């Protein structure tokens, strides 16, 4: 019982040790902030955006039905890049 309790304690989120009180559980949020990311890419003067398709987002069970929300996400990202004339999308599969 004590070993199980100790194991659970190892996986508990630890309090933040930085000025903004963030613990790193959410390292990046490109799923919700892709529009901001595209603006930043353009602002930095980059000419391309390379990203990978997460198959587990598209086909969560490994087989069968496509997750329409996942498909729509990638469609939205590509559409946002296309809006910017000088940005090229490089999709890794």
N, C-alpha and C. Protein backbone atom coordinates (compact mmCIF):
# COMPACT_ATOMS: atom_id res chain seq x y z
N UNK A 1 0.83 -1.20 0.00
CA UNK A 1 0.00 0.00 0.00
C UNK A 1 0.86 1.26 0.00
N UNK A 2 1.93 1.26 0.80
CA UNK A 2 2.80 2.43 0.85
C UNK A 2 3.51 2.66 -0.49
N UNK A 3 3.89 1.57 -1.16
CA UNK A 3 4.56 1.71 -2.46
C UNK A 3 3.62 2.34 -3.48
N UNK A 4 2.36 1.92 -3.47
CA UNK A 4 1.38 2.49 -4.39
C UNK A 4 1.16 3.96 -4.10
N UNK A 5 1.08 4.32 -2.84
CA UNK A 5 0.89 5.72 -2.46
C UNK A 5 2.09 6.56 -2.89
N UNK A 6 3.30 6.03 -2.70
CA UNK A 6 4.51 6.75 -3.11
C UNK A 6 4.52 6.94 -4.62
N UNK A 7 4.09 5.91 -5.35
CA UNK A 7 4.05 6.00 -6.80
C UNK A 7 3.08 7.09 -7.25
N UNK A 8 1.93 7.17 -6.62
CA UNK A 8 0.96 8.20 -6.96
C UNK A 8 1.51 9.60 -6.68
N UNK A 9 2.27 9.73 -5.62
CA UNK A 9 2.83 11.03 -5.28
C UNK A 9 3.84 11.49 -6.32
N UNK A 10 4.53 10.55 -6.96
CA UNK A 10 5.50 10.92 -7.98
C UNK A 10 4.83 11.57 -9.18
N UNK A 11 3.59 11.23 -9.45
CA UNK A 11 2.90 11.71 -10.64
C UNK A 11 1.97 12.89 -10.38
N UNK A 12 1.96 13.38 -9.18
CA UNK A 12 1.16 14.56 -8.88
C UNK A 12 1.82 15.80 -9.46
N UNK A 13 1.02 16.72 -9.97
CA UNK A 13 1.62 17.97 -10.45
C UNK A 13 2.35 18.69 -9.33
N UNK A 14 3.52 19.17 -9.65
CA UNK A 14 4.30 19.89 -8.65
C UNK A 14 4.00 21.38 -8.75
N UNK A 15 4.08 22.06 -7.63
CA UNK A 15 3.83 23.51 -7.69
C UNK A 15 4.91 24.21 -8.52
N UNK A 16 4.52 25.30 -9.10
CA UNK A 16 5.44 26.06 -9.95
C UNK A 16 6.53 26.71 -9.12
N UNK A 17 7.69 26.83 -9.71
CA UNK A 17 8.81 27.50 -9.05
C UNK A 17 9.34 28.61 -9.96
N UNK A 18 8.44 29.44 -10.42
CA UNK A 18 8.85 30.53 -11.28
C UNK A 18 7.96 31.73 -11.02
N UNK A 19 8.36 32.87 -11.50
CA UNK A 19 7.62 34.11 -11.18
C UNK A 19 6.17 34.13 -11.66
N UNK A 20 5.86 33.44 -12.78
CA UNK A 20 4.48 33.52 -13.26
C UNK A 20 3.61 32.37 -12.77
N UNK A 21 4.14 31.54 -11.87
CA UNK A 21 3.39 30.46 -11.23
C UNK A 21 2.85 29.41 -12.18
N UNK A 22 3.54 29.18 -13.30
CA UNK A 22 3.12 28.13 -14.24
C UNK A 22 4.00 26.92 -14.05
N UNK A 23 3.42 25.74 -14.19
CA UNK A 23 4.18 24.52 -13.94
C UNK A 23 4.56 23.76 -15.20
N UNK A 24 4.21 24.21 -16.38
CA UNK A 24 4.62 23.56 -17.61
C UNK A 24 3.70 22.44 -18.07
N UNK A 25 2.57 22.22 -17.39
CA UNK A 25 1.64 21.18 -17.83
C UNK A 25 1.14 21.45 -19.24
N UNK A 26 0.99 22.72 -19.57
CA UNK A 26 0.56 23.10 -20.92
C UNK A 26 1.73 23.84 -21.56
N UNK A 27 2.55 23.10 -22.31
CA UNK A 27 3.76 23.69 -22.88
C UNK A 27 3.46 24.55 -24.10
N UNK A 28 2.56 24.09 -24.93
CA UNK A 28 2.15 24.88 -26.08
C UNK A 28 0.69 24.56 -26.37
N UNK A 29 0.03 25.46 -27.01
CA UNK A 29 -1.40 25.27 -27.26
C UNK A 29 -1.72 25.63 -28.70
N UNK A 30 -0.98 25.05 -29.63
CA UNK A 30 -1.18 25.32 -31.03
C UNK A 30 -2.57 24.95 -31.52
N UNK A 31 -3.21 24.01 -30.83
CA UNK A 31 -4.56 23.59 -31.23
C UNK A 31 -5.52 24.77 -31.14
N UNK A 32 -5.37 25.58 -30.11
CA UNK A 32 -6.27 26.72 -29.92
C UNK A 32 -5.68 28.03 -30.42
N UNK A 33 -4.37 28.08 -30.59
CA UNK A 33 -3.72 29.36 -30.93
C UNK A 33 -3.04 29.35 -32.29
N UNK A 34 -3.51 28.52 -33.20
CA UNK A 34 -2.85 28.43 -34.51
C UNK A 34 -2.91 29.74 -35.27
N UNK A 35 -3.97 30.52 -35.11
CA UNK A 35 -4.05 31.80 -35.82
C UNK A 35 -2.97 32.76 -35.33
N UNK A 36 -2.75 32.78 -34.03
CA UNK A 36 -1.68 33.61 -33.47
C UNK A 36 -0.32 33.13 -33.95
N UNK A 37 -0.16 31.80 -34.03
CA UNK A 37 1.10 31.23 -34.51
C UNK A 37 1.39 31.66 -35.94
N UNK A 38 0.38 31.63 -36.80
CA UNK A 38 0.57 32.03 -38.20
C UNK A 38 0.95 33.51 -38.29
N UNK A 39 0.31 34.34 -37.48
CA UNK A 39 0.66 35.77 -37.47
C UNK A 39 2.11 35.97 -37.02
N UNK A 40 2.52 35.21 -36.02
CA UNK A 40 3.89 35.31 -35.53
C UNK A 40 4.89 34.85 -36.59
N UNK A 41 4.57 33.78 -37.29
CA UNK A 41 5.43 33.27 -38.35
C UNK A 41 5.63 34.35 -39.42
N UNK A 42 4.54 34.97 -39.80
CA UNK A 42 4.62 36.03 -40.82
C UNK A 42 5.41 37.23 -40.29
N UNK A 43 5.14 37.62 -39.05
CA UNK A 43 5.84 38.76 -38.43
C UNK A 43 7.35 38.51 -38.38
N UNK A 44 7.74 37.28 -38.13
CA UNK A 44 9.16 36.95 -38.06
C UNK A 44 9.83 36.90 -39.44
N UNK A 45 9.02 36.97 -40.49
CA UNK A 45 9.56 36.96 -41.84
C UNK A 45 9.85 35.57 -42.38
N UNK A 46 9.32 34.56 -41.72
CA UNK A 46 9.53 33.20 -42.21
C UNK A 46 8.68 32.97 -43.44
N UNK A 47 9.10 32.05 -44.28
CA UNK A 47 8.40 31.80 -45.54
C UNK A 47 7.63 30.49 -45.55
N UNK A 48 7.79 29.67 -44.52
CA UNK A 48 7.14 28.36 -44.51
C UNK A 48 6.83 27.93 -43.08
N UNK A 49 5.86 27.04 -42.99
CA UNK A 49 5.49 26.42 -41.70
C UNK A 49 5.41 24.92 -41.92
N UNK A 50 6.23 24.19 -41.20
CA UNK A 50 6.26 22.74 -41.30
C UNK A 50 5.57 22.16 -40.07
N UNK A 51 4.63 21.27 -40.28
CA UNK A 51 3.95 20.65 -39.14
C UNK A 51 3.58 19.22 -39.46
N UNK A 52 3.42 18.44 -38.42
CA UNK A 52 3.08 17.03 -38.56
C UNK A 52 1.61 16.82 -38.31
N UNK A 53 1.05 15.87 -38.99
CA UNK A 53 -0.32 15.47 -38.72
C UNK A 53 -0.29 14.40 -37.65
N UNK A 54 -1.04 14.62 -36.61
CA UNK A 54 -1.14 13.63 -35.53
C UNK A 54 -2.24 12.64 -35.90
N UNK A 55 -1.82 11.45 -36.27
CA UNK A 55 -2.81 10.45 -36.70
C UNK A 55 -3.77 10.10 -35.58
N UNK A 56 -3.30 10.17 -34.34
CA UNK A 56 -4.21 9.87 -33.22
C UNK A 56 -5.28 10.95 -33.07
N UNK A 57 -5.04 12.14 -33.60
CA UNK A 57 -6.07 13.17 -33.61
C UNK A 57 -7.09 12.89 -34.71
N UNK A 58 -6.62 12.35 -35.83
CA UNK A 58 -7.52 12.08 -36.95
C UNK A 58 -8.28 10.76 -36.79
N UNK A 59 -7.60 9.74 -36.29
CA UNK A 59 -8.22 8.42 -36.13
C UNK A 59 -7.91 7.95 -34.70
N UNK A 60 -8.68 8.45 -33.73
CA UNK A 60 -8.37 8.20 -32.31
C UNK A 60 -8.30 6.72 -31.92
N UNK A 61 -9.08 5.87 -32.56
CA UNK A 61 -9.09 4.46 -32.20
C UNK A 61 -8.11 3.63 -33.02
N UNK A 62 -7.35 4.28 -33.90
CA UNK A 62 -6.39 3.57 -34.71
C UNK A 62 -6.96 3.01 -36.00
N UNK A 63 -8.25 2.82 -36.03
CA UNK A 63 -8.95 2.32 -37.23
C UNK A 63 -10.37 2.87 -37.19
N UNK A 64 -10.97 2.87 -38.34
CA UNK A 64 -12.38 3.25 -38.38
C UNK A 64 -12.61 4.71 -38.72
N UNK A 65 -13.59 5.26 -38.05
CA UNK A 65 -14.10 6.60 -38.38
C UNK A 65 -13.05 7.68 -38.14
N UNK A 66 -13.09 8.66 -39.02
CA UNK A 66 -12.24 9.85 -38.92
C UNK A 66 -12.87 10.80 -37.91
N UNK A 67 -12.04 11.39 -37.05
CA UNK A 67 -12.50 12.41 -36.12
C UNK A 67 -12.67 13.71 -36.91
N UNK A 68 -13.89 14.12 -37.14
CA UNK A 68 -14.18 15.30 -37.96
C UNK A 68 -13.60 16.57 -37.36
N UNK A 69 -13.57 16.67 -36.03
CA UNK A 69 -12.99 17.86 -35.40
C UNK A 69 -11.49 17.93 -35.65
N UNK A 70 -10.82 16.79 -35.63
CA UNK A 70 -9.39 16.75 -35.92
C UNK A 70 -9.11 17.13 -37.35
N UNK A 71 -9.91 16.61 -38.27
CA UNK A 71 -9.77 16.93 -39.69
C UNK A 71 -10.00 18.42 -39.92
N UNK A 72 -11.01 18.97 -39.26
CA UNK A 72 -11.32 20.39 -39.39
C UNK A 72 -10.19 21.26 -38.86
N UNK A 73 -9.55 20.81 -37.79
CA UNK A 73 -8.42 21.55 -37.24
C UNK A 73 -7.32 21.71 -38.29
N UNK A 74 -6.91 20.62 -38.91
CA UNK A 74 -5.84 20.70 -39.92
C UNK A 74 -6.28 21.51 -41.13
N UNK A 75 -7.53 21.39 -41.50
CA UNK A 75 -8.06 22.21 -42.59
C UNK A 75 -7.97 23.70 -42.23
N UNK A 76 -8.32 24.03 -40.99
CA UNK A 76 -8.26 25.43 -40.54
C UNK A 76 -6.83 25.96 -40.55
N UNK A 77 -5.88 25.14 -40.10
CA UNK A 77 -4.47 25.56 -40.08
C UNK A 77 -4.00 25.85 -41.51
N UNK A 78 -4.28 24.94 -42.42
CA UNK A 78 -3.86 25.13 -43.81
C UNK A 78 -4.54 26.35 -44.43
N UNK A 79 -5.82 26.53 -44.16
CA UNK A 79 -6.53 27.71 -44.68
C UNK A 79 -5.93 29.00 -44.14
N UNK A 80 -5.56 29.01 -42.88
CA UNK A 80 -4.95 30.21 -42.28
C UNK A 80 -3.61 30.52 -42.95
N UNK A 81 -2.85 29.49 -43.26
CA UNK A 81 -1.56 29.69 -43.95
C UNK A 81 -1.77 30.18 -45.37
N UNK A 82 -2.80 29.66 -46.04
CA UNK A 82 -3.08 30.05 -47.43
C UNK A 82 -3.50 31.52 -47.50
N UNK A 83 -4.16 32.01 -46.46
CA UNK A 83 -4.56 33.43 -46.43
C UNK A 83 -3.35 34.34 -46.56
N UNK A 84 -2.24 33.91 -46.00
CA UNK A 84 -1.00 34.70 -46.05
C UNK A 84 -0.27 34.31 -47.35
N UNK A 85 -0.21 35.24 -48.27
CA UNK A 85 0.31 34.95 -49.62
C UNK A 85 1.71 34.34 -49.62
N UNK A 86 2.56 34.75 -48.74
CA UNK A 86 3.97 34.35 -48.83
C UNK A 86 4.33 33.14 -47.96
N UNK A 87 3.36 32.53 -47.29
CA UNK A 87 3.67 31.40 -46.42
C UNK A 87 3.33 30.08 -47.12
N UNK A 88 4.24 29.15 -47.04
CA UNK A 88 4.04 27.81 -47.59
C UNK A 88 3.82 26.82 -46.46
N UNK A 89 2.89 25.92 -46.65
CA UNK A 89 2.64 24.86 -45.66
C UNK A 89 3.37 23.61 -46.10
N UNK A 90 4.17 23.04 -45.21
CA UNK A 90 4.81 21.76 -45.44
C UNK A 90 4.27 20.77 -44.43
N UNK A 91 3.47 19.86 -44.91
CA UNK A 91 2.80 18.89 -44.03
C UNK A 91 3.61 17.61 -44.02
N UNK A 92 3.97 17.17 -42.83
CA UNK A 92 4.69 15.90 -42.66
C UNK A 92 3.68 14.81 -42.35
N UNK A 93 3.82 13.69 -43.02
CA UNK A 93 2.89 12.59 -42.79
C UNK A 93 3.62 11.37 -42.30
